[in-house]
Amino acid sequence: MSNYPTKTSRKQVGTLVLVSLLVTAGELFAARGPVDRVDIVKDSSGQPRGFAFVEMANADDADKAIAALDGAQFSSRLLTVSEARPRPQHISGGRERRRSGGRW
């Protein structure tokens, strides 16, 4: 069992401006209902990648937030808001990794 919330409560917000992402995403959704959590996705250097995951307490509020915010203009950019898709499961194994020269 995954420790991710149900798919109906977790939403993906794309095209966010990098300034104050956490506050911005939380405030945008809080106007439409209680927000449980906001996760800002970062790259390997720790810089925000420009999108976030927002978890709302109520699935109906989350659906209303999607309808209200998807395609909305924010800081001169269009927002993309959709229901988050589950992560694909990666299966390990299969092909062997080999290094040139026959050594590991």
PDB file of N, CA and C in Angstrom:
ATOM      1  N   MET A   1       0.841  -1.179   0.000  1.00  0.00           N
ATOM      2  CA  MET A   1       0.000   0.000   0.000  1.00  0.00           C
ATOM      3  C   MET A   1       0.884   1.238   0.000  1.00  0.00           C
ATOM      4  N   SER A   2       0.546   2.192  -0.807  1.00  0.00           N
ATOM      5  CA  SER A   2       1.311   3.420  -0.940  1.00  0.00           C
ATOM      6  C   SER A   2       0.983   4.372   0.197  1.00  0.00           C
ATOM      7  N   ASN A   3       1.955   5.193   0.572  1.00  0.00           N
ATOM      8  CA  ASN A   3       1.694   6.190   1.598  1.00  0.00           C
ATOM      9  C   ASN A   3       1.242   7.508   0.975  1.00  0.00           C
ATOM     10  N   TYR A   4       0.897   7.490  -0.317  1.00  0.00           N
ATOM     11  CA  TYR A   4       0.354   8.663  -0.982  1.00  0.00           C
ATOM     12  C   TYR A   4      -1.143   8.720  -0.720  1.00  0.00           C
ATOM     13  N   PRO A   5      -1.705   9.921  -0.661  1.00  0.00           N
ATOM     14  CA  PRO A   5      -3.138  10.037  -0.414  1.00  0.00           C
ATOM     15  C   PRO A   5      -3.940   9.525  -1.609  1.00  0.00           C
ATOM     16  N   THR A   6      -5.234   9.415  -1.399  1.00  0.00           N
ATOM     17  CA  THR A   6      -6.085   8.955  -2.485  1.00  0.00           C
ATOM     18  C   THR A   6      -5.978   9.911  -3.658  1.00  0.00           C
ATOM     19  N   LYS A   7      -6.173   9.400  -4.853  1.00  0.00           N
ATOM     20  CA  LYS A   7      -5.983  10.224  -6.041  1.00  0.00           C
ATOM     21  C   LYS A   7      -6.982  11.373  -6.114  1.00  0.00           C
ATOM     22  N   THR A   8      -8.094  11.266  -5.421  1.00  0.00           N
ATOM     23  CA  THR A   8      -9.087  12.332  -5.494  1.00  0.00           C
ATOM     24  C   THR A   8      -8.695  13.558  -4.686  1.00  0.00           C
ATOM     25  N   SER A   9      -7.759  13.449  -3.767  1.00  0.00           N
ATOM     26  CA  SER A   9      -7.401  14.606  -2.955  1.00  0.00           C
ATOM     27  C   SER A   9      -6.081  15.244  -3.350  1.00  0.00           C
ATOM     28  N   ARG A  10      -5.267  14.584  -4.153  1.00  0.00           N
ATOM     29  CA  ARG A  10      -3.950  15.106  -4.520  1.00  0.00           C
ATOM     30  C   ARG A  10      -4.023  15.706  -5.924  1.00  0.00           C
ATOM     31  N   LYS A  11      -3.650  16.975  -6.048  1.00  0.00           N
ATOM     32  CA  LYS A  11      -3.737  17.691  -7.316  1.00  0.00           C
ATOM     33  C   LYS A  11      -2.363  18.203  -7.702  1.00  0.00           C
ATOM     34  N   GLN A  12      -2.118  18.260  -9.007  1.00  0.00           N
ATOM     35  CA  GLN A  12      -0.861  18.777  -9.517  1.00  0.00           C
ATOM     36  C   GLN A  12      -1.105  20.175 -10.055  1.00  0.00           C
ATOM     37  N   VAL A  13      -0.211  21.099  -9.683  1.00  0.00           N
ATOM     38  CA  VAL A  13      -0.295  22.466 -10.169  1.00  0.00           C
ATOM     39  C   VAL A  13       0.965  22.740 -10.953  1.00  0.00           C
ATOM     40  N   GLY A  14       0.831  23.022 -12.232  1.00  0.00           N
ATOM     41  CA  GLY A  14       1.986  23.299 -13.068  1.00  0.00           C
ATOM     42  C   GLY A  14       2.072  24.768 -13.438  1.00  0.00           C
ATOM     43  N   THR A  15       3.218  25.179 -13.976  1.00  0.00           N
ATOM     44  CA  THR A  15       3.475  26.528 -14.461  1.00  0.00           C
ATOM     45  C   THR A  15       3.411  27.566 -13.350  1.00  0.00           C
ATOM     46  N   LEU A  16       3.901  27.250 -12.203  1.00  0.00           N
ATOM     47  CA  LEU A  16       3.920  28.235 -11.125  1.00  0.00           C
ATOM     48  C   LEU A  16       5.170  29.097 -11.217  1.00  0.00           C
ATOM     49  N   VAL A  17       5.026  30.336 -10.865  1.00  0.00           N
ATOM     50  CA  VAL A  17       6.156  31.249 -10.798  1.00  0.00           C
ATOM     51  C   VAL A  17       7.024  30.816  -9.626  1.00  0.00           C
ATOM     52  N   LEU A  18       8.341  30.907  -9.761  1.00  0.00           N
ATOM     53  CA  LEU A  18       9.243  30.369  -8.761  1.00  0.00           C
ATOM     54  C   LEU A  18       9.285  31.169  -7.463  1.00  0.00           C
ATOM     55  N   VAL A  19       8.739  32.366  -7.446  1.00  0.00           N
ATOM     56  CA  VAL A  19       8.770  33.190  -6.240  1.00  0.00           C
ATOM     57  C   VAL A  19       7.658  32.749  -5.291  1.00  0.00           C
ATOM     58  N   SER A  20       8.012  32.410  -4.081  1.00  0.00           N
ATOM     59  CA  SER A  20       7.049  32.035  -3.034  1.00  0.00           C
ATOM     60  C   SER A  20       6.085  30.941  -3.480  1.00  0.00           C
ATOM     61  N   LEU A  21       6.610  29.881  -4.068  1.00  0.00           N
ATOM     62  CA  LEU A  21       5.756  28.799  -4.571  1.00  0.00           C
ATOM     63  C   LEU A  21       4.869  28.195  -3.492  1.00  0.00           C
ATOM     64  N   LEU A  22       5.453  27.910  -2.355  1.00  0.00           N
ATOM     65  CA  LEU A  22       4.706  27.238  -1.301  1.00  0.00           C
ATOM     66  C   LEU A  22       3.521  28.076  -0.847  1.00  0.00           C
ATOM     67  N   VAL A  23       3.759  29.338  -0.574  1.00  0.00           N
ATOM     68  CA  VAL A  23       2.695  30.230  -0.124  1.00  0.00           C
ATOM     69  C   VAL A  23       1.666  30.432  -1.228  1.00  0.00           C
ATOM     70  N   THR A  24       2.144  30.662  -2.433  1.00  0.00           N
ATOM     71  CA  THR A  24       1.252  30.925  -3.558  1.00  0.00           C
ATOM     72  C   THR A  24       0.307  29.761  -3.817  1.00  0.00           C
ATOM     73  N   ALA A  25       0.845  28.561  -3.926  1.00  0.00           N
ATOM     74  CA  ALA A  25       0.004  27.398  -4.206  1.00  0.00           C
ATOM     75  C   ALA A  25      -0.993  27.172  -3.079  1.00  0.00           C
ATOM     76  N   GLY A  26      -0.541  27.292  -1.852  1.00  0.00           N
ATOM     77  CA  GLY A  26      -1.437  27.112  -0.709  1.00  0.00           C
ATOM     78  C   GLY A  26      -2.553  28.131  -0.689  1.00  0.00           C
ATOM     79  N   GLU A  27      -2.221  29.387  -0.954  1.00  0.00           N
ATOM     80  CA  GLU A  27      -3.229  30.448  -0.945  1.00  0.00           C
ATOM     81  C   GLU A  27      -4.236  30.279  -2.082  1.00  0.00           C
ATOM     82  N   LEU A  28      -3.772  29.915  -3.256  1.00  0.00           N
ATOM     83  CA  LEU A  28      -4.679  29.726  -4.393  1.00  0.00           C
ATOM     84  C   LEU A  28      -5.734  28.663  -4.087  1.00  0.00           C
ATOM     85  N   PHE A  29      -5.302  27.570  -3.495  1.00  0.00           N
ATOM     86  CA  PHE A  29      -6.226  26.482  -3.207  1.00  0.00           C
ATOM     87  C   PHE A  29      -7.022  26.732  -1.936  1.00  0.00           C
ATOM     88  N   ALA A  30      -6.448  27.398  -0.953  1.00  0.00           N
ATOM     89  CA  ALA A  30      -7.139  27.650   0.319  1.00  0.00           C
ATOM     90  C   ALA A  30      -8.384  28.499   0.110  1.00  0.00           C
ATOM     91  N   ALA A  31      -8.397  29.307  -0.925  1.00  0.00           N
ATOM     92  CA  ALA A  31      -9.585  30.101  -1.224  1.00  0.00           C
ATOM     93  C   ALA A  31     -10.745  29.223  -1.677  1.00  0.00           C
ATOM     94  N   ARG A  32     -10.457  27.972  -2.032  1.00  0.00           N
ATOM     95  CA  ARG A  32     -11.484  27.044  -2.504  1.00  0.00           C
ATOM     96  C   ARG A  32     -11.782  25.927  -1.518  1.00  0.00           C
ATOM     97  N   GLY A  33     -11.063  25.858  -0.406  1.00  0.00           N
ATOM     98  CA  GLY A  33     -11.299  24.838   0.612  1.00  0.00           C
ATOM     99  C   GLY A  33     -10.036  24.585   1.420  1.00  0.00           C
ATOM    100  N   PRO A  34     -10.157  23.802   2.515  1.00  0.00           N
ATOM    101  CA  PRO A  34      -9.012  23.532   3.379  1.00  0.00           C
ATOM    102  C   PRO A  34      -7.903  22.758   2.653  1.00  0.00           C
ATOM    103  N   VAL A  35      -6.672  23.224   2.807  1.00  0.00           N
ATOM    104  CA  VAL A  35      -5.502  22.587   2.209  1.00  0.00           C
ATOM    105  C   VAL A  35      -4.763  21.808   3.289  1.00  0.00           C
ATOM    106  N   ASP A  36      -4.521  20.520   3.037  1.00  0.00           N
ATOM    107  CA  ASP A  36      -3.786  19.692   3.994  1.00  0.00           C
ATOM    108  C   ASP A  36      -2.278  19.840   3.835  1.00  0.00           C
ATOM    109  N   ARG A  37      -1.806  19.877   2.587  1.00  0.00           N
ATOM    110  CA  ARG A  37      -0.361  19.872   2.361  1.00  0.00           C
ATOM    111  C   ARG A  37      -0.034  20.410   0.978  1.00  0.00           C
ATOM    112  N   VAL A  38       1.112  21.086   0.870  1.00  0.00           N
ATOM    113  CA  VAL A  38       1.636  21.551  -0.409  1.00  0.00           C
ATOM    114  C   VAL A  38       3.063  21.053  -0.520  1.00  0.00           C
ATOM    115  N   ASP A  39       3.375  20.332  -1.593  1.00  0.00           N
ATOM    116  CA  ASP A  39       4.731  19.834  -1.845  1.00  0.00           C
ATOM    117  C   ASP A  39       5.269  20.501  -3.099  1.00  0.00           C
ATOM    118  N   ILE A  40       6.366  21.229  -2.964  1.00  0.00           N
ATOM    119  CA  ILE A  40       7.014  21.860  -4.105  1.00  0.00           C
ATOM    120  C   ILE A  40       8.041  20.874  -4.653  1.00  0.00           C
ATOM    121  N   VAL A  41       7.969  20.568  -5.937  1.00  0.00           N
ATOM    122  CA  VAL A  41       8.900  19.635  -6.567  1.00  0.00           C
ATOM    123  C   VAL A  41      10.181  20.390  -6.899  1.00  0.00           C
ATOM    124  N   LYS A  42      11.319  19.805  -6.494  1.00  0.00           N
ATOM    125  CA  LYS A  42      12.621  20.442  -6.702  1.00  0.00           C
ATOM    126  C   LYS A  42      13.535  19.534  -7.509  1.00  0.00           C
ATOM    127  N   ASP A  43      14.504  20.149  -8.188  1.00  0.00           N
ATOM    128  CA  ASP A  43      15.481  19.371  -8.935  1.00  0.00           C
ATOM    129  C   ASP A  43      16.603  18.915  -8.003  1.00  0.00           C
ATOM    130  N   SER A  44      17.618  18.274  -8.569  1.00  0.00           N
ATOM    131  CA  SER A  44      18.700  17.717  -7.750  1.00  0.00           C
ATOM    132  C   SER A  44      19.513  18.791  -7.034  1.00  0.00           C
ATOM    133  N   SER A  45      19.473  20.032  -7.517  1.00  0.00           N
ATOM    134  CA  SER A  45      20.216  21.116  -6.853  1.00  0.00           C
ATOM    135  C   SER A  45      19.368  21.816  -5.797  1.00  0.00           C
ATOM    136  N   GLY A  46      18.113  21.396  -5.654  1.00  0.00           N
ATOM    137  CA  GLY A  46      17.242  21.988  -4.644  1.00  0.00           C
ATOM    138  C   GLY A  46      16.413  23.161  -5.157  1.00  0.00           C
ATOM    139  N   GLN A  47      16.518  23.473  -6.441  1.00  0.00           N
ATOM    140  CA  GLN A  47      15.754  24.572  -7.026  1.00  0.00           C
ATOM    141  C   GLN A  47      14.356  24.081  -7.412  1.00  0.00           C
ATOM    142  N   PRO A  48      13.325  24.896  -7.196  1.00  0.00           N
ATOM    143  CA  PRO A  48      11.970  24.495  -7.587  1.00  0.00           C
ATOM    144  C   PRO A  48      11.878  24.266  -9.090  1.00  0.00           C
ATOM    145  N   ARG A  49      11.146  23.221  -9.485  1.00  0.00           N
ATOM    146  CA  ARG A  49      10.991  22.884 -10.907  1.00  0.00           C
ATOM    147  C   ARG A  49       9.800  23.590 -11.538  1.00  0.00           C
ATOM    148  N   GLY A  50       9.028  24.341 -10.759  1.00  0.00           N
ATOM    149  CA  GLY A  50       7.925  25.107 -11.333  1.00  0.00           C
ATOM    150  C   GLY A  50       6.569  24.458 -11.196  1.00  0.00           C
ATOM    151  N   PHE A  51       6.476  23.385 -10.429  1.00  0.00           N
ATOM    152  CA  PHE A  51       5.159  22.813 -10.167  1.00  0.00           C
ATOM    153  C   PHE A  51       5.109  22.236  -8.767  1.00  0.00           C
ATOM    154  N   ALA A  52       3.889  22.000  -8.303  1.00  0.00           N
ATOM    155  CA  ALA A  52       3.687  21.551  -6.923  1.00  0.00           C
ATOM    156  C   ALA A  52       2.548  20.545  -6.884  1.00  0.00           C
ATOM    157  N   PHE A  53       2.467  19.828  -5.772  1.00  0.00           N
ATOM    158  CA  PHE A  53       1.338  18.953  -5.492  1.00  0.00           C
ATOM    159  C   PHE A  53       0.608  19.536  -4.293  1.00  0.00           C
ATOM    160  N   VAL A  54      -0.702  19.673  -4.421  1.00  0.00           N
ATOM    161  CA  VAL A  54      -1.526  20.241  -3.359  1.00  0.00           C
ATOM    162  C   VAL A  54      -2.521  19.180  -2.926  1.00  0.00           C
ATOM    163  N   GLU A  55      -2.570  18.914  -1.633  1.00  0.00           N
ATOM    164  CA  GLU A  55      -3.546  17.966  -1.087  1.00  0.00           C
ATOM    165  C   GLU A  55      -4.608  18.750  -0.339  1.00  0.00           C
ATOM    166  N   MET A  56      -5.861  18.492  -0.711  1.00  0.00           N
ATOM    167  CA  MET A  56      -6.980  19.161  -0.059  1.00  0.00           C
ATOM    168  C   MET A  56      -7.742  18.162   0.799  1.00  0.00           C
ATOM    169  N   ALA A  57      -8.376  18.669   1.840  1.00  0.00           N
ATOM    170  CA  ALA A  57      -9.074  17.809   2.786  1.00  0.00           C
ATOM    171  C   ALA A  57     -10.314  17.166   2.173  1.00  0.00           C
ATOM    172  N   ASN A  58     -10.933  17.824   1.221  1.00  0.00           N
ATOM    173  CA  ASN A  58     -12.198  17.364   0.677  1.00  0.00           C
ATOM    174  C   ASN A  58     -12.082  17.207  -0.837  1.00  0.00           C
ATOM    175  N   ALA A  59     -12.469  16.055  -1.356  1.00  0.00           N
ATOM    176  CA  ALA A  59     -12.369  15.790  -2.797  1.00  0.00           C
ATOM    177  C   ALA A  59     -13.271  16.712  -3.608  1.00  0.00           C
ATOM    178  N   ASP A  60     -14.442  17.064  -3.072  1.00  0.00           N
ATOM    179  CA  ASP A  60     -15.332  17.979  -3.792  1.00  0.00           C
ATOM    180  C   ASP A  60     -14.708  19.357  -3.926  1.00  0.00           C
ATOM    181  N   ASP A  61     -14.082  19.844  -2.849  1.00  0.00           N
ATOM    182  CA  ASP A  61     -13.385  21.134  -2.910  1.00  0.00           C
ATOM    183  C   ASP A  61     -12.228  21.068  -3.907  1.00  0.00           C
ATOM    184  N   ALA A  62     -11.551  19.933  -3.940  1.00  0.00           N
ATOM    185  CA  ALA A  62     -10.431  19.767  -4.868  1.00  0.00           C
ATOM    186  C   ALA A  62     -10.915  19.815  -6.312  1.00  0.00           C
ATOM    187  N   ASP A  63     -12.030  19.168  -6.594  1.00  0.00           N
ATOM    188  CA  ASP A  63     -12.591  19.202  -7.952  1.00  0.00           C
ATOM    189  C   ASP A  63     -13.010  20.617  -8.339  1.00  0.00           C
ATOM    190  N   LYS A  64     -13.586  21.349  -7.381  1.00  0.00           N
ATOM    191  CA  LYS A  64     -13.970  22.741  -7.646  1.00  0.00           C
ATOM    192  C   LYS A  64     -12.733  23.603  -7.884  1.00  0.00           C
ATOM    193  N   ALA A  65     -11.668  23.338  -7.148  1.00  0.00           N
ATOM    194  CA  ALA A  65     -10.427  24.098  -7.327  1.00  0.00           C
ATOM    195  C   ALA A  65      -9.840  23.841  -8.716  1.00  0.00           C
ATOM    196  N   ILE A  66      -9.895  22.600  -9.174  1.00  0.00           N
ATOM    197  CA  ILE A  66      -9.410  22.282 -10.520  1.00  0.00           C
ATOM    198  C   ILE A  66     -10.210  23.074 -11.553  1.00  0.00           C
ATOM    199  N   ALA A  67     -11.531  23.035 -11.422  1.00  0.00           N
ATOM    200  CA  ALA A  67     -12.394  23.730 -12.375  1.00  0.00           C
ATOM    201  C   ALA A  67     -12.125  25.237 -12.370  1.00  0.00           C
ATOM    202  N   ALA A  68     -11.879  25.806 -11.204  1.00  0.00           N
ATOM    203  CA  ALA A  68     -11.672  27.252 -11.088  1.00  0.00           C
ATOM    204  C   ALA A  68     -10.274  27.687 -11.512  1.00  0.00           C
ATOM    205  N   LEU A  69      -9.261  26.868 -11.247  1.00  0.00           N
ATOM    206  CA  LEU A  69      -7.884  27.314 -11.441  1.00  0.00           C
ATOM    207  C   LEU A  69      -7.231  26.833 -12.728  1.00  0.00           C
ATOM    208  N   ASP A  70      -7.696  25.745 -13.311  1.00  0.00           N
ATOM    209  CA  ASP A  70      -7.065  25.248 -14.532  1.00  0.00           C
ATOM    210  C   ASP A  70      -7.281  26.247 -15.661  1.00  0.00           C
ATOM    211  N   GLY A  71      -6.203  26.739 -16.230  1.00  0.00           N
ATOM    212  CA  GLY A  71      -6.277  27.722 -17.299  1.00  0.00           C
ATOM    213  C   GLY A  71      -6.383  29.156 -16.824  1.00  0.00           C
ATOM    214  N   ALA A  72      -6.405  29.354 -15.493  1.00  0.00           N
ATOM    215  CA  ALA A  72      -6.492  30.711 -14.944  1.00  0.00           C
ATOM    216  C   ALA A  72      -5.154  31.435 -15.117  1.00  0.00           C
ATOM    217  N   GLN A  73      -5.226  32.747 -15.241  1.00  0.00           N
ATOM    218  CA  GLN A  73      -4.027  33.574 -15.368  1.00  0.00           C
ATOM    219  C   GLN A  73      -3.507  33.903 -13.970  1.00  0.00           C
ATOM    220  N   PHE A  74      -2.195  33.710 -13.756  1.00  0.00           N
ATOM    221  CA  PHE A  74      -1.570  34.054 -12.477  1.00  0.00           C
ATOM    222  C   PHE A  74      -0.171  34.575 -12.762  1.00  0.00           C
ATOM    223  N   SER A  75       0.125  35.772 -12.307  1.00  0.00           N
ATOM    224  CA  SER A  75       1.427  36.406 -12.535  1.00  0.00           C
ATOM    225  C   SER A  75       1.827  36.325 -14.009  1.00  0.00           C
ATOM    226  N   SER A  76       0.904  36.697 -14.875  1.00  0.00           N
ATOM    227  CA  SER A  76       1.066  36.733 -16.329  1.00  0.00           C
ATOM    228  C   SER A  76       1.365  35.368 -16.956  1.00  0.00           C
ATOM    229  N   ARG A  77       1.011  34.295 -16.273  1.00  0.00           N
ATOM    230  CA  ARG A  77       1.174  32.942 -16.825  1.00  0.00           C
ATOM    231  C   ARG A  77      -0.112  32.163 -16.610  1.00  0.00           C
ATOM    232  N   LEU A  78      -0.374  31.218 -17.507  1.00  0.00           N
ATOM    233  CA  LEU A  78      -1.547  30.362 -17.363  1.00  0.00           C
ATOM    234  C   LEU A  78      -1.212  29.185 -16.454  1.00  0.00           C
ATOM    235  N   LEU A  79      -2.085  28.909 -15.509  1.00  0.00           N
ATOM    236  CA  LEU A  79      -1.897  27.759 -14.618  1.00  0.00           C
ATOM    237  C   LEU A  79      -2.424  26.497 -15.278  1.00  0.00           C
ATOM    238  N   THR A  80      -1.771  25.397 -14.991  1.00  0.00           N
ATOM    239  CA  THR A  80      -2.245  24.082 -15.380  1.00  0.00           C
ATOM    240  C   THR A  80      -2.519  23.312 -14.100  1.00  0.00           C
ATOM    241  N   VAL A  81      -3.764  22.952 -13.858  1.00  0.00           N
ATOM    242  CA  VAL A  81      -4.143  22.232 -12.645  1.00  0.00           C
ATOM    243  C   VAL A  81      -4.881  20.972 -13.067  1.00  0.00           C
ATOM    244  N   SER A  82      -4.408  19.829 -12.573  1.00  0.00           N
ATOM    245  CA  SER A  82      -5.043  18.555 -12.904  1.00  0.00           C
ATOM    246  C   SER A  82      -4.901  17.599 -11.740  1.00  0.00           C
ATOM    247  N   GLU A  83      -5.651  16.521 -11.806  1.00  0.00           N
ATOM    248  CA  GLU A  83      -5.539  15.501 -10.774  1.00  0.00           C
ATOM    249  C   GLU A  83      -4.206  14.779 -10.938  1.00  0.00           C
ATOM    250  N   ALA A  84      -3.510  14.587  -9.846  1.00  0.00           N
ATOM    251  CA  ALA A  84      -2.200  13.920  -9.894  1.00  0.00           C
ATOM    252  C   ALA A  84      -2.378  12.460 -10.278  1.00  0.00           C
ATOM    253  N   ARG A  85      -1.471  11.993 -11.112  1.00  0.00           N
ATOM    254  CA  ARG A  85      -1.474  10.582 -11.505  1.00  0.00           C
ATOM    255  C   ARG A  85      -0.544   9.809 -10.569  1.00  0.00           C
ATOM    256  N   PRO A  86      -0.851   8.545 -10.283  1.00  0.00           N
ATOM    257  CA  PRO A  86       0.042   7.756  -9.430  1.00  0.00           C
ATOM    258  C   PRO A  86       1.395   7.553 -10.105  1.00  0.00           C
ATOM    259  N   ARG A  87       2.422   7.471  -9.289  1.00  0.00           N
ATOM    260  CA  ARG A  87       3.757   7.194  -9.816  1.00  0.00           C
ATOM    261  C   ARG A  87       3.804   5.811 -10.426  1.00  0.00           C
ATOM    262  N   PRO A  88       4.453   5.674 -11.584  1.00  0.00           N
ATOM    263  CA  PRO A  88       4.603   4.327 -12.144  1.00  0.00           C
ATOM    264  C   PRO A  88       5.563   3.513 -11.291  1.00  0.00           C
ATOM    265  N   GLN A  89       5.277   2.250 -11.168  1.00  0.00           N
ATOM    266  CA  GLN A  89       6.151   1.375 -10.392  1.00  0.00           C
ATOM    267  C   GLN A  89       7.299   0.919 -11.271  1.00  0.00           C
ATOM    268  N   HIS A  90       8.508   1.086 -10.771  1.00  0.00           N
ATOM    269  CA  HIS A  90       9.689   0.655 -11.512  1.00  0.00           C
ATOM    270  C   HIS A  90      10.080  -0.742 -11.046  1.00  0.00           C
ATOM    271  N   ILE A  91      10.314  -1.614 -12.009  1.00  0.00           N
ATOM    272  CA  ILE A  91      10.701  -2.982 -11.694  1.00  0.00           C
ATOM    273  C   ILE A  91      12.209  -3.082 -11.874  1.00  0.00           C
ATOM    274  N   SER A  92      12.892  -3.470 -10.811  1.00  0.00           N
ATOM    275  CA  SER A  92      14.348  -3.601 -10.911  1.00  0.00           C
ATOM    276  C   SER A  92      14.694  -4.965 -11.485  1.00  0.00           C
ATOM    277  N   GLY A  93      15.909  -5.077 -11.920  1.00  0.00           N
ATOM    278  CA  GLY A  93      16.345  -6.344 -12.496  1.00  0.00           C
ATOM    279  C   GLY A  93      16.409  -6.233 -13.999  1.00  0.00           C
ATOM    280  N   GLY A  94      16.444  -7.349 -14.649  1.00  0.00           N
ATOM    281  CA  GLY A  94      16.493  -7.326 -16.100  1.00  0.00           C
ATOM    282  C   GLY A  94      17.922  -7.391 -16.590  1.00  0.00           C
ATOM    283  N   ARG A  95      18.313  -6.395 -17.387  1.00  0.00           N
ATOM    284  CA  ARG A  95      19.634  -6.415 -18.001  1.00  0.00           C
ATOM    285  C   ARG A  95      20.735  -6.129 -16.991  1.00  0.00           C
ATOM    286  N   GLU A  96      21.897  -6.722 -17.257  1.00  0.00           N
ATOM    287  CA  GLU A  96      23.076  -6.486 -16.428  1.00  0.00           C
ATOM    288  C   GLU A  96      23.758  -5.208 -16.848  1.00  0.00           C
ATOM    289  N   ARG A  97      24.293  -4.489 -15.900  1.00  0.00           N
ATOM    290  CA  ARG A  97      25.109  -3.324 -16.235  1.00  0.00           C
ATOM    291  C   ARG A  97      26.534  -3.777 -16.449  1.00  0.00           C
ATOM    292  N   ARG A  98      27.135  -3.372 -17.529  1.00  0.00           N
ATOM    293  CA  ARG A  98      28.517  -3.754 -17.805  1.00  0.00           C
ATOM    294  C   ARG A  98      29.352  -2.515 -18.034  1.00  0.00           C
ATOM    295  N   ARG A  99      30.554  -2.605 -17.634  1.00  0.00           N
ATOM    296  CA  ARG A  99      31.478  -1.507 -17.811  1.00  0.00           C
ATOM    297  C   ARG A  99      32.495  -1.912 -18.861  1.00  0.00           C
ATOM    298  N   SER A 100      32.977  -0.951 -19.646  1.00  0.00           N
ATOM    299  CA  SER A 100      33.954  -1.282 -20.677  1.00  0.00           C
ATOM    300  C   SER A 100      35.217  -1.850 -20.062  1.00  0.00           C
ATOM    301  N   GLY A 101      35.882  -2.700 -20.776  1.00  0.00           N
ATOM    302  CA  GLY A 101      37.103  -3.322 -20.269  1.00  0.00           C
ATOM    303  C   GLY A 101      36.833  -4.592 -19.501  1.00  0.00           C
ATOM    304  N   GLY A 102      35.571  -4.972 -19.341  1.00  0.00           N
ATOM    305  CA  GLY A 102      35.242  -6.225 -18.674  1.00  0.00           C
ATOM    306  C   GLY A 102      35.333  -6.155 -17.151  1.00  0.00           C
ATOM    307  N   ARG A 103      35.642  -4.988 -16.625  1.00  0.00           N
ATOM    308  CA  ARG A 103      35.692  -4.853 -15.153  1.00  0.00           C
ATOM    309  C   ARG A 103      34.481  -4.085 -14.661  1.00  0.00           C
ATOM    310  N   TRP A 104      34.170  -4.232 -13.403  1.00  0.00           N
ATOM    311  CA  TRP A 104      33.062  -3.482 -12.796  1.00  0.00           C
ATOM    312  C   TRP A 104      33.537  -2.191 -12.287  1.00  0.00           C
TER     313      TRP A 104
END
